[in-house]
N, C-alpha and C. Protein backbone atom coordinates (compact mmCIF):
# COMPACT_ATOMS: atom_id res chain seq x y z
N MET A 1 0.85 -1.16 0.00
CA MET A 1 0.00 0.00 0.00
C MET A 1 0.90 1.23 0.00
N LYS A 2 0.51 2.23 -0.74
CA LYS A 2 1.25 3.48 -0.77
C LYS A 2 1.09 4.19 0.57
N ARG A 3 2.17 4.81 1.03
CA ARG A 3 2.16 5.49 2.32
C ARG A 3 1.12 6.61 2.34
N LEU A 4 0.99 7.35 1.25
CA LEU A 4 0.02 8.44 1.21
C LEU A 4 -1.41 7.93 1.31
N ASP A 5 -1.68 6.76 0.72
CA ASP A 5 -3.01 6.16 0.83
C ASP A 5 -3.30 5.76 2.27
N LEU A 6 -2.29 5.22 2.95
CA LEU A 6 -2.45 4.83 4.35
C LEU A 6 -2.73 6.06 5.21
N ILE A 7 -1.98 7.13 5.00
CA ILE A 7 -2.17 8.35 5.78
C ILE A 7 -3.56 8.94 5.54
N LYS A 8 -4.02 8.90 4.30
CA LYS A 8 -5.36 9.40 3.98
C LYS A 8 -6.41 8.58 4.73
N ARG A 9 -6.24 7.27 4.72
CA ARG A 9 -7.19 6.38 5.41
C ARG A 9 -7.19 6.63 6.92
N LEU A 10 -6.00 6.82 7.49
CA LEU A 10 -5.91 7.08 8.92
C LEU A 10 -6.59 8.39 9.29
N GLY A 11 -6.44 9.40 8.43
CA GLY A 11 -7.12 10.67 8.67
C GLY A 11 -8.62 10.52 8.67
N GLU A 12 -9.13 9.67 7.79
CA GLU A 12 -10.57 9.41 7.73
C GLU A 12 -11.05 8.71 8.99
N GLU A 13 -10.16 7.94 9.63
CA GLU A 13 -10.51 7.19 10.83
C GLU A 13 -10.36 8.02 12.10
N GLY A 14 -9.88 9.26 11.98
CA GLY A 14 -9.76 10.13 13.15
C GLY A 14 -8.35 10.22 13.71
N ALA A 15 -7.36 9.71 12.98
CA ALA A 15 -5.98 9.77 13.46
C ALA A 15 -5.33 11.07 13.01
N VAL A 16 -4.43 11.58 13.85
CA VAL A 16 -3.71 12.82 13.54
C VAL A 16 -2.22 12.59 13.72
N PHE A 17 -1.43 13.36 12.98
CA PHE A 17 0.02 13.29 13.08
C PHE A 17 0.45 13.89 14.41
N VAL A 18 1.41 13.21 15.11
CA VAL A 18 1.89 13.70 16.39
C VAL A 18 3.30 14.25 16.26
N ARG A 19 4.25 13.41 15.76
CA ARG A 19 5.63 13.86 15.66
C ARG A 19 6.42 12.97 14.71
N HIS A 20 7.57 13.49 14.27
CA HIS A 20 8.50 12.73 13.44
C HIS A 20 9.46 11.98 14.35
N GLY A 21 9.85 10.79 13.94
CA GLY A 21 10.92 10.06 14.60
C GLY A 21 12.07 9.95 13.62
N ALA A 22 13.04 9.09 13.93
CA ALA A 22 14.19 8.93 13.05
C ALA A 22 13.78 8.36 11.69
N SER A 23 13.02 7.29 11.70
CA SER A 23 12.59 6.68 10.44
C SER A 23 11.10 6.38 10.42
N HIS A 24 10.37 6.80 11.45
CA HIS A 24 8.94 6.57 11.55
C HIS A 24 8.27 7.87 12.00
N ASP A 25 6.97 7.96 11.74
CA ASP A 25 6.16 9.08 12.23
C ASP A 25 5.15 8.52 13.22
N MET A 26 4.86 9.28 14.26
CA MET A 26 3.89 8.85 15.25
C MET A 26 2.53 9.46 14.93
N TRP A 27 1.51 8.62 14.93
CA TRP A 27 0.13 9.04 14.69
C TRP A 27 -0.71 8.59 15.87
N ARG A 28 -1.74 9.38 16.20
CA ARG A 28 -2.61 9.05 17.33
C ARG A 28 -4.06 9.25 16.90
N ASN A 29 -4.91 8.33 17.34
CA ASN A 29 -6.34 8.47 17.10
C ASN A 29 -6.91 9.28 18.26
N VAL A 30 -7.47 10.44 17.97
CA VAL A 30 -7.99 11.32 19.02
C VAL A 30 -9.25 10.77 19.68
N ILE A 31 -9.93 9.87 19.01
CA ILE A 31 -11.15 9.29 19.55
C ILE A 31 -10.82 8.21 20.57
N THR A 32 -9.91 7.31 20.23
CA THR A 32 -9.58 6.18 21.10
C THR A 32 -8.37 6.43 21.98
N GLY A 33 -7.51 7.37 21.59
CA GLY A 33 -6.29 7.63 22.35
C GLY A 33 -5.14 6.70 21.99
N ARG A 34 -5.36 5.77 21.09
CA ARG A 34 -4.30 4.84 20.69
C ARG A 34 -3.32 5.53 19.76
N SER A 35 -2.05 5.11 19.84
CA SER A 35 -1.05 5.67 18.94
C SER A 35 -0.22 4.55 18.33
N ASP A 36 0.41 4.85 17.20
CA ASP A 36 1.23 3.86 16.51
C ASP A 36 2.25 4.58 15.64
N MET A 37 3.32 3.88 15.33
CA MET A 37 4.37 4.43 14.49
C MET A 37 4.15 3.97 13.06
N ILE A 38 4.29 4.90 12.11
CA ILE A 38 4.12 4.63 10.69
C ILE A 38 5.49 4.76 10.03
N PRO A 39 5.98 3.70 9.36
CA PRO A 39 7.28 3.81 8.70
C PRO A 39 7.25 4.83 7.57
N ARG A 40 8.39 5.47 7.33
CA ARG A 40 8.48 6.48 6.28
C ARG A 40 9.03 5.87 4.99
N HIS A 41 8.33 4.85 4.47
CA HIS A 41 8.69 4.23 3.20
C HIS A 41 7.60 4.59 2.20
N ARG A 42 7.93 4.60 0.92
CA ARG A 42 6.90 4.89 -0.08
C ARG A 42 5.87 3.78 -0.14
N GLU A 43 6.32 2.56 -0.01
CA GLU A 43 5.43 1.39 -0.02
C GLU A 43 5.47 0.74 1.36
N ILE A 44 4.30 0.42 1.89
CA ILE A 44 4.19 -0.27 3.18
C ILE A 44 3.51 -1.60 2.92
N ASP A 45 4.08 -2.65 3.49
CA ASP A 45 3.54 -4.00 3.32
C ASP A 45 2.05 -4.02 3.66
N GLU A 46 1.26 -4.74 2.86
CA GLU A 46 -0.19 -4.77 3.05
C GLU A 46 -0.58 -5.26 4.43
N MET A 47 0.08 -6.30 4.92
CA MET A 47 -0.27 -6.83 6.24
C MET A 47 0.02 -5.81 7.33
N LEU A 48 1.15 -5.12 7.22
CA LEU A 48 1.49 -4.09 8.20
C LEU A 48 0.50 -2.93 8.12
N ALA A 49 0.13 -2.54 6.93
CA ALA A 49 -0.84 -1.44 6.75
C ALA A 49 -2.18 -1.80 7.38
N ARG A 50 -2.64 -3.03 7.17
CA ARG A 50 -3.91 -3.46 7.77
C ARG A 50 -3.83 -3.45 9.29
N LYS A 51 -2.69 -3.88 9.82
CA LYS A 51 -2.49 -3.91 11.27
C LYS A 51 -2.53 -2.50 11.84
N ILE A 52 -1.87 -1.56 11.16
CA ILE A 52 -1.86 -0.16 11.61
C ILE A 52 -3.27 0.42 11.55
N ILE A 53 -3.98 0.16 10.47
CA ILE A 53 -5.35 0.67 10.33
C ILE A 53 -6.23 0.10 11.43
N ARG A 54 -6.10 -1.18 11.70
CA ARG A 54 -6.90 -1.81 12.74
C ARG A 54 -6.63 -1.18 14.11
N ARG A 55 -5.33 -0.91 14.39
CA ARG A 55 -4.96 -0.32 15.68
C ARG A 55 -5.43 1.12 15.83
N LEU A 56 -5.41 1.88 14.75
CA LEU A 56 -5.74 3.31 14.83
C LEU A 56 -7.16 3.64 14.41
N SER A 57 -7.96 2.65 14.07
CA SER A 57 -9.34 2.91 13.68
C SER A 57 -10.21 3.11 14.91
N ALA A 58 -11.19 3.96 14.74
CA ALA A 58 -12.18 4.15 15.80
C ALA A 58 -13.11 2.95 15.81
N PRO A 59 -13.51 2.48 16.99
CA PRO A 59 -14.43 1.35 17.02
C PRO A 59 -15.77 1.75 16.43
N PRO A 60 -16.47 0.83 15.79
CA PRO A 60 -17.76 1.18 15.20
C PRO A 60 -18.73 1.57 16.31
N GLU A 61 -19.56 2.55 16.00
CA GLU A 61 -20.53 3.00 17.01
C GLU A 61 -21.52 1.90 17.26
N SER A 62 -21.74 1.60 18.54
CA SER A 62 -22.70 0.55 18.88
C SER A 62 -24.11 1.07 18.67
N GLN A 63 -24.92 0.20 18.16
CA GLN A 63 -26.31 0.59 17.91
C GLN A 63 -27.09 0.39 19.19
N GLU A 64 -27.84 1.41 19.55
CA GLU A 64 -28.63 1.32 20.77
C GLU A 64 -29.86 0.47 20.49
N PRO A 65 -30.20 -0.41 21.45
CA PRO A 65 -31.41 -1.23 21.25
C PRO A 65 -32.64 -0.34 21.28
N SER A 66 -33.60 -0.69 20.46
CA SER A 66 -34.83 0.10 20.41
C SER A 66 -35.66 -0.16 21.66
N SER A 67 -36.20 0.89 22.22
CA SER A 67 -37.04 0.75 23.44
C SER A 67 -38.46 0.38 23.02
N LYS A 68 -39.04 -0.50 23.78
CA LYS A 68 -40.41 -0.97 23.46
C LYS A 68 -41.40 -0.44 24.44
């Protein structure tokens, strides 16, 4: 996966850039408070990208049961 595509997806999930590291950037999801490091490569392995997305994604909103 292209790094820019991953960053775009993380932004849609509520993640924001925090800081630069030596070879990685730190991103944090403001909704969940979780953070993760994103490598600064043009291409990121698909499995790693999915893992990062899963960690930084906001949980789906639970549906409230209908009152009877």
